[in-house]
Amino acid sequence: MAPSPPSNVSVAVFSFLLKKSRTTTMQAKVFPAFASFSSSSKHRKNELGKNLHKESQLSGEASQRAYLRDLEQIHLKKRKLEHEREEKEANVKREMMREMLLREKKRTSAREEKDLRNVLMALVGTAVSATCYAMHYG
């Protein structure tokens, strides 16, 4: 029995597939990036919905990390401002204590000077009295 001649439909399908495979092969040879892009885009179309939950979860985690980082920055700024305020208060208190000690030192030195002057006057008075006594009775 002799093989039957191919029908027009099967010849058309075969020639279409042959042409498509030649075109794809030719594109792959001429444009290797096109072949990888073409296959990767098909792959992406197949996995488009699969990674949606994972991507949304990752974006949620990223936004949560950003929010926590912002909160931490705000907290650090508040602590820094509080530390600077406490440092300024300590500097003001230190300066006030220094001024108070200087005034006390001046008062003490003035008081000592006054006491020394009184002692000197008492000595001079005693010396004058002794001299007068010696001259009068002496």
N, C-alpha and C. Protein backbone atom coordinates (compact mmCIF):
# COMPACT_ATOMS: atom_id res chain seq x y z
N MET A 1 0.84 -1.15 0.00
CA MET A 1 0.00 0.00 0.00
C MET A 1 0.89 1.23 0.00
N ALA A 2 0.55 2.15 -0.78
CA ALA A 2 1.34 3.35 -0.95
C ALA A 2 0.89 4.39 0.05
N PRO A 3 1.83 5.16 0.57
CA PRO A 3 1.43 6.18 1.52
C PRO A 3 0.57 7.23 0.83
N SER A 4 -0.38 7.74 1.63
CA SER A 4 -1.29 8.73 1.07
C SER A 4 -0.60 10.07 1.05
N PRO A 5 -0.89 10.87 0.04
CA PRO A 5 -0.24 12.18 -0.02
C PRO A 5 -0.72 13.06 1.13
N PRO A 6 0.15 13.91 1.68
CA PRO A 6 -0.25 14.76 2.80
C PRO A 6 -1.33 15.74 2.38
N SER A 7 -2.20 16.00 3.35
CA SER A 7 -3.29 16.93 3.05
C SER A 7 -2.77 18.36 3.10
N ASN A 8 -3.54 19.27 2.56
CA ASN A 8 -3.13 20.68 2.52
C ASN A 8 -3.01 21.27 3.92
N VAL A 9 -3.89 20.84 4.83
CA VAL A 9 -3.87 21.38 6.20
C VAL A 9 -2.60 20.95 6.91
N SER A 10 -2.26 19.67 6.81
CA SER A 10 -1.07 19.20 7.50
C SER A 10 0.19 19.82 6.91
N VAL A 11 0.20 20.06 5.60
CA VAL A 11 1.34 20.72 4.96
C VAL A 11 1.45 22.15 5.46
N ALA A 12 0.32 22.84 5.60
CA ALA A 12 0.32 24.22 6.07
C ALA A 12 0.81 24.30 7.50
N VAL A 13 0.34 23.40 8.35
CA VAL A 13 0.76 23.39 9.76
C VAL A 13 2.25 23.08 9.85
N PHE A 14 2.71 22.10 9.07
CA PHE A 14 4.11 21.73 9.09
C PHE A 14 4.98 22.89 8.63
N SER A 15 4.58 23.56 7.57
CA SER A 15 5.38 24.68 7.07
C SER A 15 5.37 25.84 8.05
N PHE A 16 4.24 26.07 8.73
CA PHE A 16 4.16 27.14 9.74
C PHE A 16 5.11 26.84 10.90
N LEU A 17 5.07 25.60 11.38
CA LEU A 17 5.95 25.22 12.48
C LEU A 17 7.41 25.29 12.08
N LEU A 18 7.70 24.86 10.85
CA LEU A 18 9.07 24.91 10.37
C LEU A 18 9.55 26.35 10.27
N LYS A 19 8.68 27.21 9.74
CA LYS A 19 9.02 28.62 9.60
C LYS A 19 9.22 29.25 10.98
N LYS A 20 8.35 28.92 11.92
CA LYS A 20 8.44 29.47 13.28
C LYS A 20 9.73 29.01 13.95
N SER A 21 10.07 27.73 13.79
CA SER A 21 11.28 27.23 14.43
C SER A 21 12.51 27.85 13.78
N ARG A 22 12.48 28.06 12.46
CA ARG A 22 13.60 28.72 11.79
C ARG A 22 13.74 30.15 12.27
N THR A 23 12.60 30.86 12.39
CA THR A 23 12.62 32.25 12.83
C THR A 23 13.17 32.35 14.25
N THR A 24 12.68 31.50 15.12
CA THR A 24 13.15 31.52 16.50
C THR A 24 14.62 31.15 16.57
N THR A 25 15.02 30.14 15.79
CA THR A 25 16.43 29.75 15.78
C THR A 25 17.28 30.86 15.21
N MET A 26 16.80 31.48 14.15
CA MET A 26 17.54 32.57 13.53
C MET A 26 17.63 33.76 14.49
N GLN A 27 16.51 34.06 15.16
CA GLN A 27 16.54 35.16 16.13
C GLN A 27 17.49 34.83 17.27
N ALA A 28 17.50 33.57 17.67
CA ALA A 28 18.40 33.17 18.75
C ALA A 28 19.85 33.30 18.33
N LYS A 29 20.13 32.99 17.04
CA LYS A 29 21.51 33.12 16.57
C LYS A 29 21.90 34.58 16.40
N VAL A 30 21.00 35.35 15.80
CA VAL A 30 21.30 36.75 15.52
C VAL A 30 21.17 37.60 16.78
N PHE A 31 20.11 37.37 17.53
CA PHE A 31 19.84 38.16 18.74
C PHE A 31 19.78 37.23 19.95
N PRO A 32 20.89 36.87 20.55
CA PRO A 32 20.84 35.96 21.70
C PRO A 32 20.10 36.58 22.88
N ALA A 33 20.16 37.88 23.00
CA ALA A 33 19.44 38.53 24.10
C ALA A 33 17.94 38.40 23.91
N PHE A 34 17.50 38.42 22.64
CA PHE A 34 16.07 38.29 22.36
C PHE A 34 15.56 36.93 22.79
N ALA A 35 16.36 35.89 22.51
CA ALA A 35 15.93 34.53 22.86
C ALA A 35 15.80 34.40 24.37
N SER A 36 16.77 34.93 25.12
CA SER A 36 16.68 34.83 26.58
C SER A 36 15.56 35.70 27.10
N PHE A 37 15.36 36.86 26.48
CA PHE A 37 14.27 37.72 26.92
C PHE A 37 12.93 37.08 26.63
N SER A 38 12.83 36.47 25.45
CA SER A 38 11.59 35.84 25.04
C SER A 38 11.25 34.70 25.99
N SER A 39 12.23 33.86 26.29
CA SER A 39 11.95 32.74 27.18
C SER A 39 11.71 33.22 28.60
N SER A 40 12.45 34.25 29.04
CA SER A 40 12.25 34.74 30.40
C SER A 40 10.91 35.45 30.53
N SER A 41 10.46 36.13 29.46
CA SER A 41 9.15 36.78 29.55
C SER A 41 8.05 35.74 29.62
N LYS A 42 8.21 34.62 28.90
CA LYS A 42 7.22 33.54 29.00
C LYS A 42 7.23 32.97 30.40
N HIS A 43 8.43 32.80 30.93
CA HIS A 43 8.56 32.28 32.29
C HIS A 43 7.92 33.23 33.29
N ARG A 44 8.13 34.52 33.08
CA ARG A 44 7.54 35.52 33.98
C ARG A 44 6.03 35.51 33.91
N LYS A 45 5.49 35.33 32.71
CA LYS A 45 4.04 35.29 32.57
C LYS A 45 3.47 34.12 33.35
N ASN A 46 4.18 33.01 33.35
CA ASN A 46 3.71 31.83 34.08
C ASN A 46 3.78 32.04 35.58
N GLU A 47 4.76 32.81 36.05
CA GLU A 47 4.93 33.00 37.49
C GLU A 47 4.43 34.34 37.99
N LEU A 48 3.67 35.04 37.19
CA LEU A 48 3.22 36.38 37.55
C LEU A 48 2.41 36.37 38.84
N GLY A 49 1.47 35.49 38.94
CA GLY A 49 0.61 35.46 40.12
C GLY A 49 1.22 34.72 41.28
N LYS A 50 2.22 33.87 41.03
CA LYS A 50 2.78 33.05 42.10
C LYS A 50 3.53 33.88 43.13
N ASN A 51 4.24 34.91 42.70
CA ASN A 51 5.08 35.69 43.61
C ASN A 51 4.37 36.91 44.18
N LEU A 52 3.12 37.08 43.85
CA LEU A 52 2.40 38.28 44.28
C LEU A 52 2.32 38.36 45.80
N HIS A 53 1.96 37.26 46.46
CA HIS A 53 1.85 37.27 47.91
C HIS A 53 3.22 37.53 48.55
N LYS A 54 4.24 36.87 48.01
CA LYS A 54 5.59 37.04 48.56
C LYS A 54 6.06 38.48 48.38
N GLU A 55 5.80 39.07 47.20
CA GLU A 55 6.21 40.45 46.95
C GLU A 55 5.48 41.42 47.86
N SER A 56 4.18 41.18 48.07
CA SER A 56 3.44 42.07 48.96
C SER A 56 3.93 41.93 50.39
N GLN A 57 4.27 40.71 50.78
CA GLN A 57 4.80 40.49 52.12
C GLN A 57 6.15 41.20 52.28
N LEU A 58 7.01 41.07 51.26
CA LEU A 58 8.32 41.73 51.33
C LEU A 58 8.19 43.24 51.35
N SER A 59 7.25 43.78 50.56
CA SER A 59 7.07 45.23 50.56
C SER A 59 6.51 45.69 51.90
N GLY A 60 5.64 44.87 52.51
CA GLY A 60 5.12 45.20 53.83
C GLY A 60 6.22 45.21 54.87
N GLU A 61 7.11 44.22 54.79
CA GLU A 61 8.24 44.17 55.73
C GLU A 61 9.18 45.35 55.51
N ALA A 62 9.38 45.71 54.25
CA ALA A 62 10.26 46.85 53.96
C ALA A 62 9.67 48.14 54.51
N SER A 63 8.37 48.32 54.34
CA SER A 63 7.75 49.54 54.87
C SER A 63 7.76 49.53 56.39
N GLN A 64 7.61 48.35 56.99
CA GLN A 64 7.66 48.26 58.45
C GLN A 64 9.07 48.59 58.94
N ARG A 65 10.10 48.08 58.23
CA ARG A 65 11.48 48.40 58.62
C ARG A 65 11.73 49.90 58.49
N ALA A 66 11.22 50.50 57.41
CA ALA A 66 11.40 51.94 57.22
C ALA A 66 10.71 52.71 58.34
N TYR A 67 9.51 52.28 58.72
CA TYR A 67 8.77 52.94 59.80
C TYR A 67 9.54 52.82 61.11
N LEU A 68 10.04 51.62 61.41
CA LEU A 68 10.79 51.43 62.65
C LEU A 68 12.10 52.22 62.64
N ARG A 69 12.74 52.30 61.47
CA ARG A 69 13.97 53.10 61.35
C ARG A 69 13.66 54.57 61.60
N ASP A 70 12.53 55.06 61.05
CA ASP A 70 12.13 56.45 61.28
C ASP A 70 11.84 56.70 62.75
N LEU A 71 11.14 55.75 63.40
CA LEU A 71 10.87 55.89 64.83
C LEU A 71 12.17 55.94 65.63
N GLU A 72 13.11 55.09 65.27
CA GLU A 72 14.39 55.08 65.96
C GLU A 72 15.13 56.40 65.77
N GLN A 73 15.09 56.95 64.56
CA GLN A 73 15.73 58.24 64.29
C GLN A 73 15.10 59.34 65.14
N ILE A 74 13.76 59.33 65.22
CA ILE A 74 13.07 60.33 66.04
C ILE A 74 13.47 60.18 67.49
N HIS A 75 13.52 58.93 67.98
CA HIS A 75 13.90 58.68 69.37
C HIS A 75 15.34 59.14 69.62
N LEU A 76 16.24 58.87 68.67
CA LEU A 76 17.63 59.31 68.83
C LEU A 76 17.74 60.83 68.86
N LYS A 77 16.96 61.51 68.01
CA LYS A 77 16.98 62.98 68.00
C LYS A 77 16.47 63.52 69.33
N LYS A 78 15.39 62.91 69.87
CA LYS A 78 14.87 63.36 71.16
C LYS A 78 15.90 63.16 72.26
N ARG A 79 16.56 61.98 72.26
CA ARG A 79 17.58 61.73 73.27
C ARG A 79 18.74 62.70 73.14
N LYS A 80 19.12 63.02 71.91
CA LYS A 80 20.22 63.95 71.68
C LYS A 80 19.85 65.34 72.19
N LEU A 81 18.62 65.79 71.88
CA LEU A 81 18.18 67.10 72.35
C LEU A 81 18.10 67.13 73.87
N GLU A 82 17.60 66.05 74.48
CA GLU A 82 17.52 65.97 75.94
C GLU A 82 18.93 66.01 76.55
N HIS A 83 19.85 65.30 75.94
CA HIS A 83 21.23 65.29 76.44
C HIS A 83 21.85 66.68 76.32
N GLU A 84 21.62 67.36 75.20
CA GLU A 84 22.15 68.71 75.02
C GLU A 84 21.54 69.67 76.03
N ARG A 85 20.23 69.53 76.29
CA ARG A 85 19.57 70.40 77.26
C ARG A 85 20.16 70.17 78.66
N GLU A 86 20.33 68.90 79.04
CA GLU A 86 20.91 68.59 80.35
C GLU A 86 22.34 69.12 80.45
N GLU A 87 23.08 69.01 79.36
CA GLU A 87 24.45 69.51 79.34
C GLU A 87 24.49 71.02 79.52
N LYS A 88 23.57 71.73 78.85
CA LYS A 88 23.49 73.18 79.01
C LYS A 88 23.14 73.56 80.44
N GLU A 89 22.17 72.84 81.03
CA GLU A 89 21.81 73.11 82.42
C GLU A 89 22.99 72.88 83.35
N ALA A 90 23.74 71.80 83.11
CA ALA A 90 24.91 71.51 83.94
C ALA A 90 25.96 72.61 83.78
N ASN A 91 26.15 73.09 82.56
CA ASN A 91 27.11 74.18 82.33
C ASN A 91 26.68 75.46 83.04
N VAL A 92 25.38 75.76 83.00
CA VAL A 92 24.87 76.96 83.69
C VAL A 92 25.09 76.82 85.19
N LYS A 93 24.77 75.65 85.75
CA LYS A 93 24.97 75.43 87.19
C LYS A 93 26.45 75.53 87.55
N ARG A 94 27.31 74.95 86.71
CA ARG A 94 28.75 75.02 86.95
C ARG A 94 29.23 76.47 86.96
N GLU A 95 28.76 77.25 86.00
CA GLU A 95 29.14 78.66 85.91
C GLU A 95 28.64 79.43 87.13
N MET A 96 27.41 79.14 87.55
CA MET A 96 26.87 79.82 88.74
C MET A 96 27.69 79.46 89.97
N MET A 97 28.08 78.19 90.11
CA MET A 97 28.90 77.78 91.25
C MET A 97 30.26 78.48 91.21
N ARG A 98 30.84 78.58 90.03
CA ARG A 98 32.14 79.25 89.89
C ARG A 98 32.03 80.71 90.31
N GLU A 99 30.97 81.39 89.84
CA GLU A 99 30.76 82.79 90.22
C GLU A 99 30.54 82.92 91.72
N MET A 100 29.76 82.00 92.29
CA MET A 100 29.49 82.04 93.72
C MET A 100 30.79 81.83 94.51
N LEU A 101 31.63 80.91 94.06
CA LEU A 101 32.90 80.68 94.74
C LEU A 101 33.81 81.90 94.64
N LEU A 102 33.82 82.56 93.47
CA LEU A 102 34.62 83.77 93.32
C LEU A 102 34.13 84.87 94.26
N ARG A 103 32.81 85.05 94.34
CA ARG A 103 32.28 86.07 95.27
C ARG A 103 32.62 85.73 96.71
N GLU A 104 32.49 84.45 97.05
CA GLU A 104 32.81 84.02 98.42
C GLU A 104 34.29 84.25 98.71
N LYS A 105 35.13 83.97 97.70
CA LYS A 105 36.56 84.20 97.87
C LYS A 105 36.85 85.68 98.08
N LYS A 106 36.17 86.52 97.30
CA LYS A 106 36.36 87.97 97.46
C LYS A 106 35.89 88.42 98.83
N ARG A 107 34.72 87.89 99.24
CA ARG A 107 34.22 88.26 100.57
C ARG A 107 35.17 87.80 101.66
N THR A 108 35.68 86.58 101.50
CA THR A 108 36.60 86.03 102.49
C THR A 108 37.88 86.86 102.53
N SER A 109 38.40 87.19 101.36
CA SER A 109 39.63 87.98 101.34
C SER A 109 39.36 89.38 101.90
N ALA A 110 38.19 89.95 101.61
CA ALA A 110 37.85 91.27 102.17
C ALA A 110 37.71 91.17 103.69
N ARG A 111 37.07 90.09 104.15
CA ARG A 111 36.90 89.89 105.59
C ARG A 111 38.26 89.70 106.26
N GLU A 112 39.13 88.90 105.65
CA GLU A 112 40.47 88.69 106.21
C GLU A 112 41.26 89.99 106.23
N GLU A 113 41.12 90.77 105.16
CA GLU A 113 41.81 92.06 105.10
C GLU A 113 41.31 92.97 106.23
N LYS A 114 39.99 92.98 106.42
CA LYS A 114 39.41 93.80 107.49
C LYS A 114 39.90 93.31 108.85
N ASP A 115 39.93 91.98 109.03
CA ASP A 115 40.41 91.42 110.30
C ASP A 115 41.89 91.77 110.53
N LEU A 116 42.69 91.68 109.46
CA LEU A 116 44.10 92.03 109.59
C LEU A 116 44.28 93.51 109.90
N ARG A 117 43.44 94.35 109.28
CA ARG A 117 43.50 95.78 109.55
C ARG A 117 43.15 96.05 111.03
N ASN A 118 42.13 95.34 111.52
CA ASN A 118 41.75 95.52 112.93
C ASN A 118 42.87 95.05 113.86
N VAL A 119 43.50 93.93 113.53
CA VAL A 119 44.61 93.44 114.35
C VAL A 119 45.77 94.44 114.31
N LEU A 120 46.05 94.97 113.13
CA LEU A 120 47.12 95.94 112.97
C LEU A 120 46.81 97.21 113.78
N MET A 121 45.56 97.65 113.70
CA MET A 121 45.16 98.85 114.47
C MET A 121 45.28 98.59 115.98
N ALA A 122 44.91 97.37 116.37
CA ALA A 122 45.03 97.03 117.79
C ALA A 122 46.49 97.01 118.21
N LEU A 123 47.35 96.48 117.36
CA LEU A 123 48.79 96.46 117.67
C LEU A 123 49.36 97.87 117.72
N VAL A 124 48.96 98.69 116.74
CA VAL A 124 49.43 100.08 116.72
C VAL A 124 48.93 100.80 117.97
N GLY A 125 47.66 100.57 118.28
CA GLY A 125 47.10 101.20 119.49
C GLY A 125 47.82 100.76 120.74
N THR A 126 48.11 99.47 120.82
CA THR A 126 48.83 98.94 121.98
C THR A 126 50.24 99.51 122.03
N ALA A 127 50.88 99.60 120.88
CA ALA A 127 52.25 100.14 120.83
C ALA A 127 52.25 101.62 121.24
N VAL A 128 51.26 102.37 120.75
CA VAL A 128 51.17 103.79 121.13
C VAL A 128 50.91 103.91 122.63
N SER A 129 50.01 103.07 123.13
CA SER A 129 49.72 103.11 124.57
C SER A 129 50.95 102.77 125.39
N ALA A 130 51.68 101.75 124.95
CA ALA A 130 52.88 101.35 125.68
C ALA A 130 53.93 102.45 125.62
N THR A 131 54.05 103.10 124.47
CA THR A 131 55.01 104.17 124.33
C THR A 131 54.62 105.35 125.22
N CYS A 132 53.34 105.69 125.21
CA CYS A 132 52.87 106.79 126.06
C CYS A 132 53.08 106.46 127.54
N TYR A 133 52.81 105.25 127.91
CA TYR A 133 52.98 104.82 129.30
C TYR A 133 54.45 104.90 129.70
N ALA A 134 55.30 104.42 128.78
CA ALA A 134 56.73 104.43 129.07
C ALA A 134 57.25 105.86 129.15
N MET A 135 56.74 106.76 128.30
CA MET A 135 57.20 108.14 128.32
C MET A 135 56.66 108.87 129.56
N HIS A 136 55.48 108.52 129.93
CA HIS A 136 54.88 109.21 131.06
C HIS A 136 55.49 108.73 132.39
N TYR A 137 55.66 107.43 132.51
CA TYR A 137 56.16 106.90 133.77
C TYR A 137 57.65 106.56 133.70
N GLY A 138 58.26 106.74 132.64
CA GLY A 138 59.52 106.20 132.43
C GLY A 138 60.77 106.84 132.51
